[in-house]
Amino acid sequence: MAKAKATVHGAVSLVNAIANQKGATLGIDLKVEATIETNPGKGISIQSENKSLSSRLINKTIEKIVSKKDLEQNKITVTLVSEIPTGYGLKSSSAISSAIALACAKIFKPKLTDQQILLAGVDASIETKVSITGAYDDACSCYYGGFNVTDNAKKKRIQFEKGPANLIAVIFIPKNRKRGNLKKLKILSSVFENAWELARKANYWEAMIINGLATASILNSDPKIITDLLEKGAMGASVSGNGPSIAAITKKENESAIKKVFSTLEGNIIVSKISNKKAEVHEI
């Protein structure tokens, strides 16, 4: 009988990785808590208020960490509490898979490194088709916090540093969940490559703006919203992930001006601090 609880935060996109398998992300304060409890028996049971979460992803992540033998001898109960809306490009699946991997590792494989824990979630995401690129960029910002610029194909962090603690992300969650055609992102692969090169040199906001204009034009958002947000004081603004949410990074004093830009659209607004918090876990 053991019980462990892991906390992992969400993230927003600076550079979308679909075109070139190279991405950049920034951690935000919205969090996921995963509690893993073991009892004699076998099987995995999942308790979560959000029914649309992929149980395939959760089961696969557990299988990546827990040996077959341990799975035969333990009934594993997973309890998930998430502040991150799912399916809007705010990295909920990366946060969930990382939190589950971390809590399982605490109980079953305490010697695993951060990279091994992180990759369990990334590989599970690819194998269950939750993510096209495995979202290594997303997983890094969820797990480590701050800015992360990654080569997803090589599963390497190329550039990382803490994010400015005085900034907030104002995130618009549209009522209409329609996303554009992701395959078309490849048409602009050279644009995304340039954005990624900027992020690699720590020009994060420029990278985010280029990414915002490029993704908005392809993924059913109006690119004009990106320029409107910049005009009202956003340092960077972009569709997050594959959308449809839009994130603007700004100083606290511009919060109401940024919200006003979104207020003409149908949907909800979430405000979150930038997060530099690393994933944590403890036994309970």
C-alpha atoms as a PDB file:
ATOM      1  CA  MET A   1       0.000   0.000   0.000  1.00  0.00           C
ATOM      2  CA  ALA A   2       1.494   3.293  -1.052  1.00  0.00           C
ATOM      3  CA  LYS A   3       0.269   6.687  -2.143  1.00  0.00           C
ATOM      4  CA  ALA A   4       2.042   9.524  -3.985  1.00  0.00           C
ATOM      5  CA  LYS A   5       0.857  12.866  -5.291  1.00  0.00           C
ATOM      6  CA  ALA A   6       2.508  14.791  -8.136  1.00  0.00           C
ATOM      7  CA  THR A   7       1.893  18.380  -9.251  1.00  0.00           C
ATOM      8  CA  VAL A   8       2.725  19.535 -12.782  1.00  0.00           C
ATOM      9  CA  HIS A   9       1.844  22.856 -14.439  1.00  0.00           C
ATOM     10  CA  GLY A  10       0.589  23.760 -17.915  1.00  0.00           C
ATOM     11  CA  ALA A  11       2.241  25.786 -20.671  1.00  0.00           C
ATOM     12  CA  VAL A  12       1.586  27.958 -23.702  1.00  0.00           C
ATOM     13  CA  SER A  13       3.230  27.725 -27.131  1.00  0.00           C
ATOM     14  CA  LEU A  14       5.808  30.138 -28.429  1.00  0.00           C
ATOM     15  CA  VAL A  15       6.647  28.096 -31.538  1.00  0.00           C
ATOM     16  CA  ASN A  16       4.429  25.288 -32.847  1.00  0.00           C
ATOM     17  CA  ALA A  17       6.422  22.077 -33.410  1.00  0.00           C
ATOM     18  CA  ILE A  18       4.206  20.356 -35.954  1.00  0.00           C
ATOM     19  CA  ALA A  19       5.890  21.685 -39.109  1.00  0.00           C
ATOM     20  CA  ASN A  20       9.507  20.913 -38.172  1.00  0.00           C
ATOM     21  CA  GLN A  21       9.452  18.910 -34.922  1.00  0.00           C
ATOM     22  CA  LYS A  22      11.078  21.897 -33.239  1.00  0.00           C
ATOM     23  CA  GLY A  23       9.107  23.818 -30.647  1.00  0.00           C
ATOM     24  CA  ALA A  24       9.272  26.429 -27.926  1.00  0.00           C
ATOM     25  CA  THR A  25       6.991  26.806 -24.899  1.00  0.00           C
ATOM     26  CA  LEU A  26       6.590  28.761 -21.658  1.00  0.00           C
ATOM     27  CA  GLY A  27       5.287  27.379 -18.369  1.00  0.00           C
ATOM     28  CA  ILE A  28       2.120  28.824 -16.796  1.00  0.00           C
ATOM     29  CA  ASP A  29       0.641  28.438 -13.349  1.00  0.00           C
ATOM     30  CA  LEU A  30      -2.451  26.316 -14.117  1.00  0.00           C
ATOM     31  CA  LYS A  31      -1.815  22.942 -12.566  1.00  0.00           C
ATOM     32  CA  VAL A  32      -2.628  19.245 -12.642  1.00  0.00           C
ATOM     33  CA  GLU A  33      -2.474  17.040  -9.548  1.00  0.00           C
ATOM     34  CA  ALA A  34      -2.238  13.290  -9.964  1.00  0.00           C
ATOM     35  CA  THR A  35      -2.506  10.957  -6.997  1.00  0.00           C
ATOM     36  CA  ILE A  36      -1.511   7.325  -7.440  1.00  0.00           C
ATOM     37  CA  GLU A  37      -2.578   4.827  -4.803  1.00  0.00           C
ATOM     38  CA  THR A  38      -1.653   1.144  -4.761  1.00  0.00           C
ATOM     39  CA  ASN A  39      -3.506  -1.693  -3.070  1.00  0.00           C
ATOM     40  CA  PRO A  40      -3.269  -5.484  -3.324  1.00  0.00           C
ATOM     41  CA  GLY A  41      -5.007  -6.733  -6.472  1.00  0.00           C
ATOM     42  CA  LYS A  42      -4.683  -5.731 -10.117  1.00  0.00           C
ATOM     43  CA  GLY A  43      -6.082  -3.307 -12.658  1.00  0.00           C
ATOM     44  CA  ILE A  44      -6.076   0.458 -13.102  1.00  0.00           C
ATOM     45  CA  SER A  45      -8.978   2.669 -12.095  1.00  0.00           C
ATOM     46  CA  ILE A  46      -9.173   6.358 -12.986  1.00  0.00           C
ATOM     47  CA  GLN A  47     -11.090   8.986 -11.063  1.00  0.00           C
ATOM     48  CA  SER A  48     -11.403  12.375 -12.677  1.00  0.00           C
ATOM     49  CA  GLU A  49     -14.082  15.022 -12.984  1.00  0.00           C
ATOM     50  CA  ASN A  50     -13.181  15.335 -16.656  1.00  0.00           C
ATOM     51  CA  LYS A  51     -14.542  12.384 -18.574  1.00  0.00           C
ATOM     52  CA  SER A  52     -13.012  13.344 -21.916  1.00  0.00           C
ATOM     53  CA  LEU A  53      -9.486  12.670 -20.690  1.00  0.00           C
ATOM     54  CA  SER A  54      -7.815   9.889 -22.569  1.00  0.00           C
ATOM     55  CA  SER A  55      -7.744   6.825 -20.354  1.00  0.00           C
ATOM     56  CA  ARG A  56      -5.565   5.227 -23.059  1.00  0.00           C
ATOM     57  CA  LEU A  57      -2.896   7.881 -22.415  1.00  0.00           C
ATOM     58  CA  ILE A  58      -3.088   7.347 -18.656  1.00  0.00           C
ATOM     59  CA  ASN A  59      -2.883   3.546 -18.896  1.00  0.00           C
ATOM     60  CA  LYS A  60      -0.015   3.685 -21.389  1.00  0.00           C
ATOM     61  CA  THR A  61       1.935   6.142 -19.209  1.00  0.00           C
ATOM     62  CA  ILE A  62       1.557   3.820 -16.206  1.00  0.00           C
ATOM     63  CA  GLU A  63       2.741   0.844 -18.286  1.00  0.00           C
ATOM     64  CA  LYS A  64       5.854   2.799 -19.288  1.00  0.00           C
ATOM     65  CA  ILE A  65       6.888   3.207 -15.647  1.00  0.00           C
ATOM     66  CA  VAL A  66       5.457   0.196 -13.803  1.00  0.00           C
ATOM     67  CA  SER A  67       6.810  -3.273 -14.612  1.00  0.00           C
ATOM     68  CA  LYS A  68       4.507  -6.071 -15.811  1.00  0.00           C
ATOM     69  CA  LYS A  69       5.144  -7.925 -12.566  1.00  0.00           C
ATOM     70  CA  ASP A  70       4.136  -4.923 -10.449  1.00  0.00           C
ATOM     71  CA  LEU A  71       1.045  -4.387 -12.612  1.00  0.00           C
ATOM     72  CA  GLU A  72       0.020  -8.003 -11.931  1.00  0.00           C
ATOM     73  CA  GLN A  73       0.273  -7.490  -8.159  1.00  0.00           C
ATOM     74  CA  ASN A  74      -1.103  -4.000  -7.610  1.00  0.00           C
ATOM     75  CA  LYS A  75      -4.469  -2.366  -8.035  1.00  0.00           C
ATOM     76  CA  ILE A  76      -3.602   1.178  -9.082  1.00  0.00           C
ATOM     77  CA  THR A  77      -6.038   4.003  -8.468  1.00  0.00           C
ATOM     78  CA  VAL A  78      -5.405   7.282 -10.285  1.00  0.00           C
ATOM     79  CA  THR A  79      -7.086  10.477  -9.077  1.00  0.00           C
ATOM     80  CA  LEU A  80      -6.754  13.527 -11.294  1.00  0.00           C
ATOM     81  CA  VAL A  81      -7.592  17.123 -10.523  1.00  0.00           C
ATOM     82  CA  SER A  82      -6.819  19.607 -13.291  1.00  0.00           C
ATOM     83  CA  GLU A  83      -7.128  23.373 -13.660  1.00  0.00           C
ATOM     84  CA  ILE A  84      -6.177  23.144 -17.344  1.00  0.00           C
ATOM     85  CA  PRO A  85      -9.035  23.015 -19.846  1.00  0.00           C
ATOM     86  CA  THR A  86      -8.492  20.012 -22.131  1.00  0.00           C
ATOM     87  CA  GLY A  87      -8.349  20.214 -25.903  1.00  0.00           C
ATOM     88  CA  TYR A  88      -7.459  23.890 -26.287  1.00  0.00           C
ATOM     89  CA  GLY A  89      -3.693  23.800 -26.791  1.00  0.00           C
ATOM     90  CA  LEU A  90      -2.759  24.458 -23.150  1.00  0.00           C
ATOM     91  CA  LYS A  91      -0.808  21.230 -22.750  1.00  0.00           C
ATOM     92  CA  SER A  92      -3.182  19.392 -20.428  1.00  0.00           C
ATOM     93  CA  SER A  93      -2.191  15.981 -21.805  1.00  0.00           C
ATOM     94  CA  SER A  94       1.542  16.671 -21.331  1.00  0.00           C
ATOM     95  CA  ALA A  95       0.896  17.849 -17.778  1.00  0.00           C
ATOM     96  CA  ILE A  96      -1.284  14.824 -17.013  1.00  0.00           C
ATOM     97  CA  SER A  97       1.101  12.235 -18.456  1.00  0.00           C
ATOM     98  CA  SER A  98       4.082  13.847 -16.670  1.00  0.00           C
ATOM     99  CA  ALA A  99       2.225  13.963 -13.350  1.00  0.00           C
ATOM    100  CA  ILE A 100       1.176  10.314 -13.621  1.00  0.00           C
ATOM    101  CA  ALA A 101       4.677   9.192 -14.611  1.00  0.00           C
ATOM    102  CA  LEU A 102       6.177  11.161 -11.719  1.00  0.00           C
ATOM    103  CA  ALA A 103       3.770   9.775  -9.099  1.00  0.00           C
ATOM    104  CA  CYS A 104       4.239   6.187 -10.373  1.00  0.00           C
ATOM    105  CA  ALA A 105       8.009   6.560 -10.375  1.00  0.00           C
ATOM    106  CA  LYS A 106       7.939   7.755  -6.759  1.00  0.00           C
ATOM    107  CA  ILE A 107       6.298   4.499  -5.709  1.00  0.00           C
ATOM    108  CA  PHE A 108       7.754   1.940  -8.118  1.00  0.00           C
ATOM    109  CA  LYS A 109      10.997   3.361  -9.570  1.00  0.00           C
ATOM    110  CA  PRO A 110      12.431   5.994  -7.221  1.00  0.00           C
ATOM    111  CA  LYS A 111      15.785   6.075  -9.048  1.00  0.00           C
ATOM    112  CA  LEU A 112      14.419   7.278 -12.414  1.00  0.00           C
ATOM    113  CA  THR A 113      15.828  10.576 -13.701  1.00  0.00           C
ATOM    114  CA  ASP A 114      13.737  13.594 -14.712  1.00  0.00           C
ATOM    115  CA  GLN A 115      14.450  12.821 -18.368  1.00  0.00           C
ATOM    116  CA  GLN A 116      13.292   9.190 -18.024  1.00  0.00           C
ATOM    117  CA  ILE A 117      10.076  10.283 -16.297  1.00  0.00           C
ATOM    118  CA  LEU A 118       9.436  12.973 -18.890  1.00  0.00           C
ATOM    119  CA  LEU A 119      10.021  10.573 -21.795  1.00  0.00           C
ATOM    120  CA  ALA A 120       7.572   8.029 -20.391  1.00  0.00           C
ATOM    121  CA  GLY A 121       4.805  10.597 -20.871  1.00  0.00           C
ATOM    122  CA  VAL A 122       6.124  11.741 -24.258  1.00  0.00           C
ATOM    123  CA  ASP A 123       6.347   8.172 -25.602  1.00  0.00           C
ATOM    124  CA  ALA A 124       2.904   7.334 -24.229  1.00  0.00           C
ATOM    125  CA  SER A 125       1.530  10.435 -26.009  1.00  0.00           C
ATOM    126  CA  ILE A 126       2.973   9.309 -29.342  1.00  0.00           C
ATOM    127  CA  GLU A 127       1.872   5.690 -28.967  1.00  0.00           C
ATOM    128  CA  THR A 128      -1.707   6.612 -28.058  1.00  0.00           C
ATOM    129  CA  LYS A 129      -1.777   9.254 -30.835  1.00  0.00           C
ATOM    130  CA  VAL A 130      -2.620  11.989 -28.327  1.00  0.00           C
ATOM    131  CA  SER A 131       0.181  14.029 -29.830  1.00  0.00           C
ATOM    132  CA  ILE A 132       1.668  14.118 -33.304  1.00  0.00           C
ATOM    133  CA  THR A 133       5.195  15.098 -32.264  1.00  0.00           C
ATOM    134  CA  GLY A 134       5.116  13.597 -28.770  1.00  0.00           C
ATOM    135  CA  ALA A 135       5.052  17.160 -27.539  1.00  0.00           C
ATOM    136  CA  TYR A 136       8.507  17.065 -26.005  1.00  0.00           C
ATOM    137  CA  ASP A 137       8.465  20.888 -26.035  1.00  0.00           C
ATOM    138  CA  ASP A 138       5.194  20.946 -24.092  1.00  0.00           C
ATOM    139  CA  ALA A 139       6.355  18.310 -21.638  1.00  0.00           C
ATOM    140  CA  CYS A 140       9.544  20.269 -20.861  1.00  0.00           C
ATOM    141  CA  SER A 141       7.724  23.468 -19.896  1.00  0.00           C
ATOM    142  CA  CYS A 142       5.121  21.529 -17.922  1.00  0.00           C
ATOM    143  CA  TYR A 143       7.841  19.622 -16.082  1.00  0.00           C
ATOM    144  CA  TYR A 144      10.593  22.210 -15.636  1.00  0.00           C
ATOM    145  CA  GLY A 145       8.688  25.510 -15.933  1.00  0.00           C
ATOM    146  CA  GLY A 146      10.068  28.624 -17.644  1.00  0.00           C
ATOM    147  CA  PHE A 147      11.130  28.911 -21.298  1.00  0.00           C
ATOM    148  CA  ASN A 148      12.036  25.714 -23.155  1.00  0.00           C
ATOM    149  CA  VAL A 149      13.229  25.544 -26.758  1.00  0.00           C
ATOM    150  CA  THR A 150      13.445  21.960 -27.946  1.00  0.00           C
ATOM    151  CA  ASP A 151      14.271  19.617 -30.780  1.00  0.00           C
ATOM    152  CA  ASN A 152      11.385  17.151 -30.438  1.00  0.00           C
ATOM    153  CA  ALA A 153      12.811  14.623 -32.892  1.00  0.00           C
ATOM    154  CA  LYS A 154      16.044  14.386 -30.885  1.00  0.00           C
ATOM    155  CA  LYS A 155      14.174  14.823 -27.566  1.00  0.00           C
ATOM    156  CA  LYS A 156      16.612  17.507 -26.502  1.00  0.00           C
ATOM    157  CA  ARG A 157      16.300  20.873 -24.773  1.00  0.00           C
ATOM    158  CA  ILE A 158      18.342  23.330 -26.821  1.00  0.00           C
ATOM    159  CA  GLN A 159      17.728  26.492 -24.793  1.00  0.00           C
ATOM    160  CA  PHE A 160      16.003  27.001 -21.448  1.00  0.00           C
ATOM    161  CA  GLU A 161      15.804  29.653 -18.769  1.00  0.00           C
ATOM    162  CA  LYS A 162      13.434  30.971 -16.158  1.00  0.00           C
ATOM    163  CA  GLY A 163      10.539  33.137 -17.339  1.00  0.00           C
ATOM    164  CA  PRO A 164      10.015  36.700 -16.064  1.00  0.00           C
ATOM    165  CA  ALA A 165       8.022  36.416 -12.827  1.00  0.00           C
ATOM    166  CA  ASN A 166       6.304  39.783 -13.337  1.00  0.00           C
ATOM    167  CA  LEU A 167       4.424  38.646 -16.461  1.00  0.00           C
ATOM    168  CA  ILE A 168       1.014  37.046 -16.870  1.00  0.00           C
ATOM    169  CA  ALA A 169      -0.627  35.027 -19.596  1.00  0.00           C
ATOM    170  CA  VAL A 170      -4.101  36.205 -20.561  1.00  0.00           C
ATOM    171  CA  ILE A 171      -5.670  33.221 -22.306  1.00  0.00           C
ATOM    172  CA  PHE A 172      -8.822  33.245 -24.406  1.00  0.00           C
ATOM    173  CA  ILE A 173     -10.765  29.977 -24.559  1.00  0.00           C
ATOM    174  CA  PRO A 174     -13.189  30.264 -27.496  1.00  0.00           C
ATOM    175  CA  LYS A 175     -16.650  28.780 -27.302  1.00  0.00           C
ATOM    176  CA  ASN A 176     -16.209  27.273 -30.747  1.00  0.00           C
ATOM    177  CA  ARG A 177     -13.709  24.424 -30.438  1.00  0.00           C
ATOM    178  CA  LYS A 178     -13.126  24.051 -34.179  1.00  0.00           C
ATOM    179  CA  ARG A 179      -9.481  23.723 -35.140  1.00  0.00           C
ATOM    180  CA  GLY A 180      -7.983  24.241 -38.574  1.00  0.00           C
ATOM    181  CA  ASN A 181      -6.174  21.660 -40.676  1.00  0.00           C
ATOM    182  CA  LEU A 182      -2.908  20.889 -38.864  1.00  0.00           C
ATOM    183  CA  LYS A 183      -1.271  19.399 -41.970  1.00  0.00           C
ATOM    184  CA  LYS A 184      -1.341  22.848 -43.556  1.00  0.00           C
ATOM    185  CA  LEU A 185       1.101  24.147 -40.925  1.00  0.00           C
ATOM    186  CA  LYS A 186       3.816  22.441 -42.993  1.00  0.00           C
ATOM    187  CA  ILE A 187       3.203  24.937 -45.824  1.00  0.00           C
ATOM    188  CA  LEU A 188       4.867  27.559 -43.611  1.00  0.00           C
ATOM    189  CA  SER A 189       7.644  25.333 -42.316  1.00  0.00           C
ATOM    190  CA  SER A 190      10.347  27.880 -43.207  1.00  0.00           C
ATOM    191  CA  VAL A 191       8.452  30.540 -41.241  1.00  0.00           C
ATOM    192  CA  PHE A 192       8.266  28.240 -38.191  1.00  0.00           C
ATOM    193  CA  GLU A 193      11.973  27.424 -38.635  1.00  0.00           C
ATOM    194  CA  ASN A 194      12.788  31.140 -38.483  1.00  0.00           C
ATOM    195  CA  ALA A 195      10.578  31.616 -35.429  1.00  0.00           C
ATOM    196  CA  TRP A 196      12.344  28.692 -33.727  1.00  0.00           C
ATOM    197  CA  GLU A 197      15.781  30.142 -34.504  1.00  0.00           C
ATOM    198  CA  LEU A 198      14.686  33.398 -32.839  1.00  0.00           C
ATOM    199  CA  ALA A 199      13.499  31.492 -29.748  1.00  0.00           C
ATOM    200  CA  ARG A 200      16.784  29.583 -29.646  1.00  0.00           C
ATOM    201  CA  LYS A 201      18.555  32.949 -29.400  1.00  0.00           C
ATOM    202  CA  ALA A 202      16.167  33.928 -26.577  1.00  0.00           C
ATOM    203  CA  ASN A 203      14.120  36.348 -28.722  1.00  0.00           C
ATOM    204  CA  TYR A 204      11.016  34.678 -27.346  1.00  0.00           C
ATOM    205  CA  TRP A 205       8.426  37.367 -27.981  1.00  0.00           C
ATOM    206  CA  GLU A 206       9.426  37.896 -31.611  1.00  0.00           C
ATOM    207  CA  ALA A 207       9.248  34.138 -32.096  1.00  0.00           C
ATOM    208  CA  MET A 208       5.816  34.025 -30.477  1.00  0.00           C
ATOM    209  CA  ILE A 209       4.481  36.857 -32.672  1.00  0.00           C
ATOM    210  CA  ILE A 210       5.663  35.197 -35.895  1.00  0.00           C
ATOM    211  CA  ASN A 211       4.211  31.899 -34.703  1.00  0.00           C
ATOM    212  CA  GLY A 212       0.969  33.670 -33.789  1.00  0.00           C
ATOM    213  CA  LEU A 213       0.496  35.228 -37.212  1.00  0.00           C
ATOM    214  CA  ALA A 214       1.403  31.992 -38.994  1.00  0.00           C
ATOM    215  CA  THR A 215      -0.763  29.670 -36.896  1.00  0.00           C
ATOM    216  CA  ALA A 216      -3.723  32.049 -36.784  1.00  0.00           C
ATOM    217  CA  SER A 217      -3.810  32.284 -40.571  1.00  0.00           C
ATOM    218  CA  ILE A 218      -3.948  28.479 -40.852  1.00  0.00           C
ATOM    219  CA  LEU A 219      -5.889  27.389 -37.759  1.00  0.00           C
ATOM    220  CA  ASN A 220      -9.130  29.339 -38.140  1.00  0.00           C
ATOM    221  CA  SER A 221      -8.312  32.323 -35.957  1.00  0.00           C
ATOM    222  CA  ASP A 222      -8.257  35.888 -37.229  1.00  0.00           C
ATOM    223  CA  PRO A 223      -4.597  37.024 -37.443  1.00  0.00           C
ATOM    224  CA  LYS A 224      -5.802  40.578 -36.747  1.00  0.00           C
ATOM    225  CA  ILE A 225      -6.395  39.589 -33.133  1.00  0.00           C
ATOM    226  CA  ILE A 226      -2.634  39.052 -32.740  1.00  0.00           C
ATOM    227  CA  THR A 227      -1.852  42.612 -33.844  1.00  0.00           C
ATOM    228  CA  ASP A 228      -4.714  44.004 -31.722  1.00  0.00           C
ATOM    229  CA  LEU A 229      -3.213  42.302 -28.657  1.00  0.00           C
ATOM    230  CA  LEU A 230       0.255  43.695 -29.390  1.00  0.00           C
ATOM    231  CA  GLU A 231      -1.223  47.158 -29.801  1.00  0.00           C
ATOM    232  CA  LYS A 232      -2.728  46.876 -26.321  1.00  0.00           C
ATOM    233  CA  GLY A 233       0.545  45.946 -24.648  1.00  0.00           C
ATOM    234  CA  ALA A 234       1.093  42.225 -25.212  1.00  0.00           C
ATOM    235  CA  MET A 235       4.784  41.352 -25.532  1.00  0.00           C
ATOM    236  CA  GLY A 236       3.912  38.244 -27.482  1.00  0.00           C
ATOM    237  CA  ALA A 237       0.628  36.670 -28.589  1.00  0.00           C
ATOM    238  CA  SER A 238      -0.178  33.446 -30.383  1.00  0.00           C
ATOM    239  CA  VAL A 239      -2.568  30.604 -30.899  1.00  0.00           C
ATOM    240  CA  SER A 240      -1.416  28.123 -28.235  1.00  0.00           C
ATOM    241  CA  GLY A 241      -0.513  24.682 -29.524  1.00  0.00           C
ATOM    242  CA  ASN A 242      -2.943  23.692 -32.243  1.00  0.00           C
ATOM    243  CA  GLY A 243      -5.554  25.984 -30.778  1.00  0.00           C
ATOM    244  CA  PRO A 244      -8.113  27.107 -30.531  1.00  0.00           C
ATOM    245  CA  SER A 245      -7.024  29.044 -27.432  1.00  0.00           C
ATOM    246  CA  ILE A 246      -5.052  32.269 -27.849  1.00  0.00           C
ATOM    247  CA  ALA A 247      -2.492  33.405 -25.285  1.00  0.00           C
ATOM    248  CA  ALA A 248      -1.131  36.909 -24.797  1.00  0.00           C
ATOM    249  CA  ILE A 249       1.861  37.484 -22.519  1.00  0.00           C
ATOM    250  CA  THR A 250       1.841  40.869 -20.841  1.00  0.00           C
ATOM    251  CA  LYS A 251       2.633  42.921 -17.740  1.00  0.00           C
ATOM    252  CA  LYS A 252      -0.019  42.929 -15.031  1.00  0.00           C
ATOM    253  CA  GLU A 253      -0.989  46.568 -15.709  1.00  0.00           C
ATOM    254  CA  ASN A 254      -2.157  45.743 -19.247  1.00  0.00           C
ATOM    255  CA  GLU A 255      -4.476  42.960 -18.118  1.00  0.00           C
ATOM    256  CA  SER A 256      -7.759  44.834 -18.585  1.00  0.00           C
ATOM    257  CA  ALA A 257      -6.739  46.277 -21.981  1.00  0.00           C
ATOM    258  CA  ILE A 258      -5.879  42.794 -23.225  1.00  0.00           C
ATOM    259  CA  LYS A 259      -9.113  41.344 -21.844  1.00  0.00           C
ATOM    260  CA  LYS A 260     -10.997  44.033 -23.747  1.00  0.00           C
ATOM    261  CA  VAL A 261      -9.576  42.789 -27.060  1.00  0.00           C
ATOM    262  CA  PHE A 262     -10.977  39.324 -26.299  1.00  0.00           C
ATOM    263  CA  SER A 263     -14.290  40.646 -24.972  1.00  0.00           C
ATOM    264  CA  THR A 264     -15.753  41.018 -28.474  1.00  0.00           C
ATOM    265  CA  LEU A 265     -15.376  37.254 -29.019  1.00  0.00           C
ATOM    266  CA  GLU A 266     -17.468  34.429 -27.603  1.00  0.00           C
ATOM    267  CA  GLY A 267     -15.664  32.455 -24.954  1.00  0.00           C
ATOM    268  CA  ASN A 268     -13.946  32.607 -21.562  1.00  0.00           C
ATOM    269  CA  ILE A 269     -10.772  34.287 -20.368  1.00  0.00           C
ATOM    270  CA  ILE A 270      -8.284  32.735 -17.944  1.00  0.00           C
ATOM    271  CA  VAL A 271      -5.439  34.729 -16.422  1.00  0.00           C
ATOM    272  CA  SER A 272      -2.424  32.790 -15.214  1.00  0.00           C
ATOM    273  CA  LYS A 273       1.009  33.769 -13.931  1.00  0.00           C
ATOM    274  CA  ILE A 274       4.122  32.600 -15.745  1.00  0.00           C
ATOM    275  CA  SER A 275       5.461  29.542 -13.916  1.00  0.00           C
ATOM    276  CA  ASN A 276       9.047  28.539 -13.237  1.00  0.00           C
ATOM    277  CA  LYS A 277       7.979  25.757 -10.911  1.00  0.00           C
ATOM    278  CA  LYS A 278       9.437  22.348 -11.488  1.00  0.00           C
ATOM    279  CA  ALA A 279       7.168  19.308 -11.188  1.00  0.00           C
ATOM    280  CA  GLU A 280       7.096  17.967  -7.643  1.00  0.00           C
ATOM    281  CA  VAL A 281       6.016  14.776  -5.962  1.00  0.00           C
ATOM    282  CA  HIS A 282       5.682  13.490  -2.429  1.00  0.00           C
ATOM    283  CA  GLU A 283       4.338  10.432  -0.649  1.00  0.00           C
ATOM    284  CA  ILE A 284       1.212  10.880   1.398  1.00  0.00           C
END
